[in-house]
Amino acid sequence: MRLFAAVLPPPDVTEELAAVVAELRKLPGAEGLRWTGRPGWHFTLAFYGEVDDDVVPELSERLERAARRTAPFPLAVRGGGQFGHGRALWAGASGELPALRLLAERAEAAGRKAGVEMGEHRRYKAHLTLARSREAVDARPCLEALDTFTSRTWTVEELALVRSNLPKSGVPGEQPRYEVVGRWALGGAG
C-alpha cells in the first residue's frame, strides 16, 4: 500500500484555509492549476511510497515510538510558496517548526529502520500542497494572497499514518483518496 506519515490540521483550520483557497481559485492563472481537495490537505512528514503489508506492523510500532518521544507542539497554517515555478503551490506553517522538523526526521528514521526504501534524504520543508500544474505557472497572484493568511494556532497532538489510493478511473481532475490507517498520540498523551 502507498503510505506516508503526516500531521493533519483540524477541521476548523481546513475550513479557514478553504475560504482562502476559494478566493485563490478566482485569481488570474488559477484555472491552469489542479487544485487539491480538502481531504488531501496535510503536512507530509515522510513519504514511504509502496510498502509491503508485512512491513506495516513494524513501521507502525516505530512511528508510535517516534510519536511518544515527541511532545505536543503549537502549529498554524501560514503564508505560502511554490516549488518548480508554480508547478506546486503550497501553504506554509508557523509555530514550533523545530518540533515539526524533528517529528519529520523521526518519521523518516522509522521508515528506514522498518526497512522501507526511503531514497535520498532531503531537508524537511513544512508545506501543505494546495495545487499542482504540469507546466510552469505564474503563481504570484496566489502567493501574494497567501502572504497575509494565518490560521488559528492549534496543538499538534498526534502523528498519522495515511494510505493514499491513487485514482484509477482516468477521469480528469479525480483526486486521490486518503485513509488514516494509524494514529499515535504525541508524548504518550491521550
Protein backbone atom coordinates (compact mmCIF):
# COMPACT_ATOMS: atom_id res chain seq x y z
CA MET A 1 0.00 0.00 0.00
CA ARG A 2 1.11 3.59 -0.69
CA LEU A 3 1.81 5.28 2.67
CA PHE A 4 3.08 8.47 4.25
CA ALA A 5 3.34 9.91 7.77
CA ALA A 6 1.60 13.24 8.32
CA VAL A 7 0.27 15.91 10.62
CA LEU A 8 -3.40 16.55 9.83
CA PRO A 9 -4.81 20.01 10.53
CA PRO A 10 -8.12 20.04 12.45
CA PRO A 11 -11.36 20.61 10.53
CA ASP A 12 -11.81 24.24 11.63
CA VAL A 13 -8.33 25.08 10.32
CA THR A 14 -9.04 23.45 6.96
CA GLU A 15 -12.31 25.44 6.85
CA GLU A 16 -10.33 28.66 7.30
CA LEU A 17 -7.94 27.60 4.55
CA ALA A 18 -10.81 26.52 2.27
CA ALA A 19 -12.21 30.06 2.35
CA VAL A 20 -8.85 31.42 1.21
CA VAL A 21 -8.46 28.75 -1.48
CA ALA A 22 -11.94 29.59 -2.83
CA GLU A 23 -10.66 33.14 -3.40
CA LEU A 24 -7.36 31.90 -4.89
CA ARG A 25 -9.28 29.86 -7.45
CA LYS A 26 -10.78 33.12 -8.80
CA LEU A 27 -7.38 34.71 -9.47
CA PRO A 28 -5.77 35.03 -12.92
CA GLY A 29 -3.99 31.80 -13.91
CA ALA A 30 -5.78 29.68 -11.30
CA GLU A 31 -7.66 27.77 -13.98
CA GLY A 32 -4.31 26.28 -15.07
CA LEU A 33 -3.83 24.57 -11.70
CA ARG A 34 -5.14 21.20 -10.48
CA TRP A 35 -6.43 22.07 -7.00
CA THR A 36 -6.07 19.62 -4.14
CA GLY A 37 -9.31 18.92 -2.27
CA ARG A 38 -9.61 19.42 1.48
CA PRO A 39 -9.21 15.67 2.22
CA GLY A 40 -5.72 15.97 0.71
CA TRP A 41 -4.54 18.81 2.94
CA HIS A 42 -1.85 17.59 5.29
CA PHE A 43 1.74 18.24 6.28
CA THR A 44 3.63 15.21 4.98
CA LEU A 45 6.39 14.23 7.39
CA ALA A 46 7.81 11.25 5.50
CA PHE A 47 6.71 9.65 2.23
CA TYR A 48 7.12 5.87 2.19
CA GLY A 49 5.67 5.00 -1.21
CA GLU A 50 4.60 1.41 -1.75
CA VAL A 51 5.06 -0.56 1.47
CA ASP A 52 4.54 -4.32 1.70
CA ASP A 53 1.76 -5.33 4.08
CA ASP A 54 4.18 -7.37 6.19
CA VAL A 55 6.31 -4.23 6.86
CA VAL A 56 3.39 -2.11 8.12
CA PRO A 57 3.31 -3.54 11.70
CA GLU A 58 6.99 -2.71 12.31
CA LEU A 59 6.64 0.69 10.67
CA SER A 60 3.60 1.38 12.88
CA GLU A 61 5.49 0.32 16.01
CA ARG A 62 8.39 2.63 15.13
CA LEU A 63 6.03 5.53 14.37
CA GLU A 64 4.32 5.01 17.71
CA ARG A 65 7.73 5.24 19.41
CA ALA A 66 8.57 8.41 17.42
CA ALA A 67 5.27 9.98 18.47
CA ARG A 68 5.77 9.05 22.12
CA ARG A 69 9.23 10.70 22.08
CA THR A 70 7.82 13.97 20.69
CA ALA A 71 5.94 16.44 22.90
CA PRO A 72 2.78 18.12 21.55
CA PHE A 73 3.52 21.49 19.93
CA PRO A 74 1.71 24.54 18.51
CA LEU A 75 1.28 24.92 14.76
CA ALA A 76 -0.65 27.15 12.35
CA VAL A 77 -1.05 27.24 8.57
CA ARG A 78 0.64 30.43 7.41
CA GLY A 79 1.64 32.04 4.13
CA GLY A 80 2.63 30.02 1.12
CA GLY A 81 5.14 29.31 -1.56
CA GLN A 82 5.81 27.35 -4.68
CA PHE A 83 8.04 24.60 -5.98
CA GLY A 84 9.16 24.46 -9.59
CA HIS A 85 7.97 27.87 -10.85
CA GLY A 86 4.33 27.29 -9.97
CA ARG A 87 4.25 23.54 -10.57
CA ALA A 88 3.23 23.15 -6.92
CA LEU A 89 1.51 25.83 -4.87
CA TRP A 90 1.54 25.31 -1.12
CA ALA A 91 0.57 26.81 2.21
CA GLY A 92 3.30 27.02 4.82
CA ALA A 93 3.40 26.72 8.58
CA SER A 94 4.29 28.75 11.63
CA GLY A 95 4.64 27.83 15.26
CA GLU A 96 7.06 25.33 16.72
CA LEU A 97 8.70 24.44 13.38
CA PRO A 98 11.77 22.81 15.01
CA ALA A 99 9.43 20.31 16.70
CA LEU A 100 7.67 19.63 13.38
CA ARG A 101 11.05 19.12 11.69
CA LEU A 102 12.14 16.75 14.48
CA LEU A 103 8.94 14.74 14.11
CA ALA A 104 9.57 14.53 10.35
CA GLU A 105 13.11 13.29 10.96
CA ARG A 106 11.82 10.67 13.39
CA ALA A 107 9.13 9.56 10.91
CA GLU A 108 11.76 9.21 8.19
CA ALA A 109 14.06 7.26 10.53
CA ALA A 110 11.12 5.00 11.48
CA GLY A 111 10.69 4.13 7.81
CA ARG A 112 14.36 3.42 7.25
CA LYS A 113 14.61 1.25 10.40
CA ALA A 114 11.49 -0.69 9.35
CA GLY A 115 13.17 -1.47 6.02
CA VAL A 116 11.28 0.98 3.79
CA GLU A 117 13.34 2.19 0.82
CA MET A 118 13.32 5.93 1.56
CA GLY A 119 15.61 7.20 -1.19
CA GLU A 120 17.73 10.29 -0.75
CA HIS A 121 17.29 12.36 2.43
CA ARG A 122 16.05 15.92 1.82
CA ARG A 123 15.86 18.75 4.31
CA TYR A 124 12.30 18.99 5.56
CA LYS A 125 10.19 21.90 4.31
CA ALA A 126 6.82 22.19 6.04
CA HIS A 127 4.15 22.61 3.38
CA LEU A 128 0.57 21.68 2.63
CA THR A 129 0.01 21.25 -1.12
CA LEU A 130 -2.88 23.32 -2.46
CA ALA A 131 -2.46 22.88 -6.23
CA ARG A 132 -0.22 21.42 -8.91
CA SER A 133 0.45 22.04 -12.57
CA ARG A 134 2.24 20.06 -15.27
CA GLU A 135 3.64 23.32 -16.64
CA ALA A 136 5.20 26.39 -15.09
CA VAL A 137 2.51 28.82 -13.90
CA ASP A 138 2.76 32.44 -12.77
CA ALA A 139 1.73 31.86 -9.16
CA ARG A 140 2.45 35.42 -7.98
CA PRO A 141 -1.21 36.43 -7.51
CA CYS A 142 -1.81 33.35 -5.36
CA LEU A 143 1.40 33.85 -3.39
CA GLU A 144 0.50 37.50 -2.70
CA ALA A 145 -2.94 36.45 -1.44
CA LEU A 146 -1.47 33.66 0.74
CA ASP A 147 1.13 36.00 2.19
CA THR A 148 -1.38 37.54 4.60
CA PHE A 149 -3.06 34.28 5.64
CA THR A 150 -2.52 32.75 9.08
CA SER A 151 -4.92 30.17 10.50
CA ARG A 152 -5.65 29.81 14.17
CA THR A 153 -2.92 28.03 16.09
CA TRP A 154 -3.70 24.52 17.27
CA THR A 155 -1.75 21.98 19.28
CA VAL A 156 -0.44 19.07 17.24
CA GLU A 157 -1.21 16.06 19.42
CA GLU A 158 -0.84 13.14 17.05
CA LEU A 159 1.10 11.58 14.21
CA ALA A 160 -0.90 9.85 11.47
CA LEU A 161 -0.01 7.08 9.04
CA VAL A 162 -2.02 7.70 5.88
CA ARG A 163 -2.72 5.48 2.89
CA SER A 164 -3.19 7.22 -0.45
CA ASN A 165 -5.30 5.47 -3.03
CA LEU A 166 -4.42 6.90 -6.42
CA PRO A 167 -7.18 7.47 -8.99
CA LYS A 168 -7.66 4.59 -11.41
CA SER A 169 -10.61 5.79 -13.47
CA GLY A 170 -8.64 8.13 -15.72
CA VAL A 171 -11.29 10.82 -15.18
CA PRO A 172 -9.59 14.24 -15.42
CA GLY A 173 -9.44 16.01 -12.08
CA GLU A 174 -10.11 12.89 -10.00
CA GLN A 175 -8.36 13.19 -6.63
CA PRO A 176 -6.53 10.53 -4.65
CA ARG A 177 -8.46 9.16 -1.68
CA TYR A 178 -6.80 9.27 1.72
CA GLU A 179 -7.38 6.84 4.57
CA VAL A 180 -5.80 7.14 8.02
CA VAL A 181 -4.53 3.67 8.92
CA GLY A 182 -2.81 4.59 12.20
CA ARG A 183 -2.77 7.41 14.77
CA TRP A 184 -0.41 7.85 17.69
CA ALA A 185 -0.57 10.46 20.44
CA LEU A 186 2.46 12.71 20.79
CA GLY A 187 4.25 12.49 24.10
CA GLY A 188 2.28 9.41 25.01
CA ALA A 189 -0.71 11.62 25.91
CA GLY A 190 -4.27 10.55 25.24
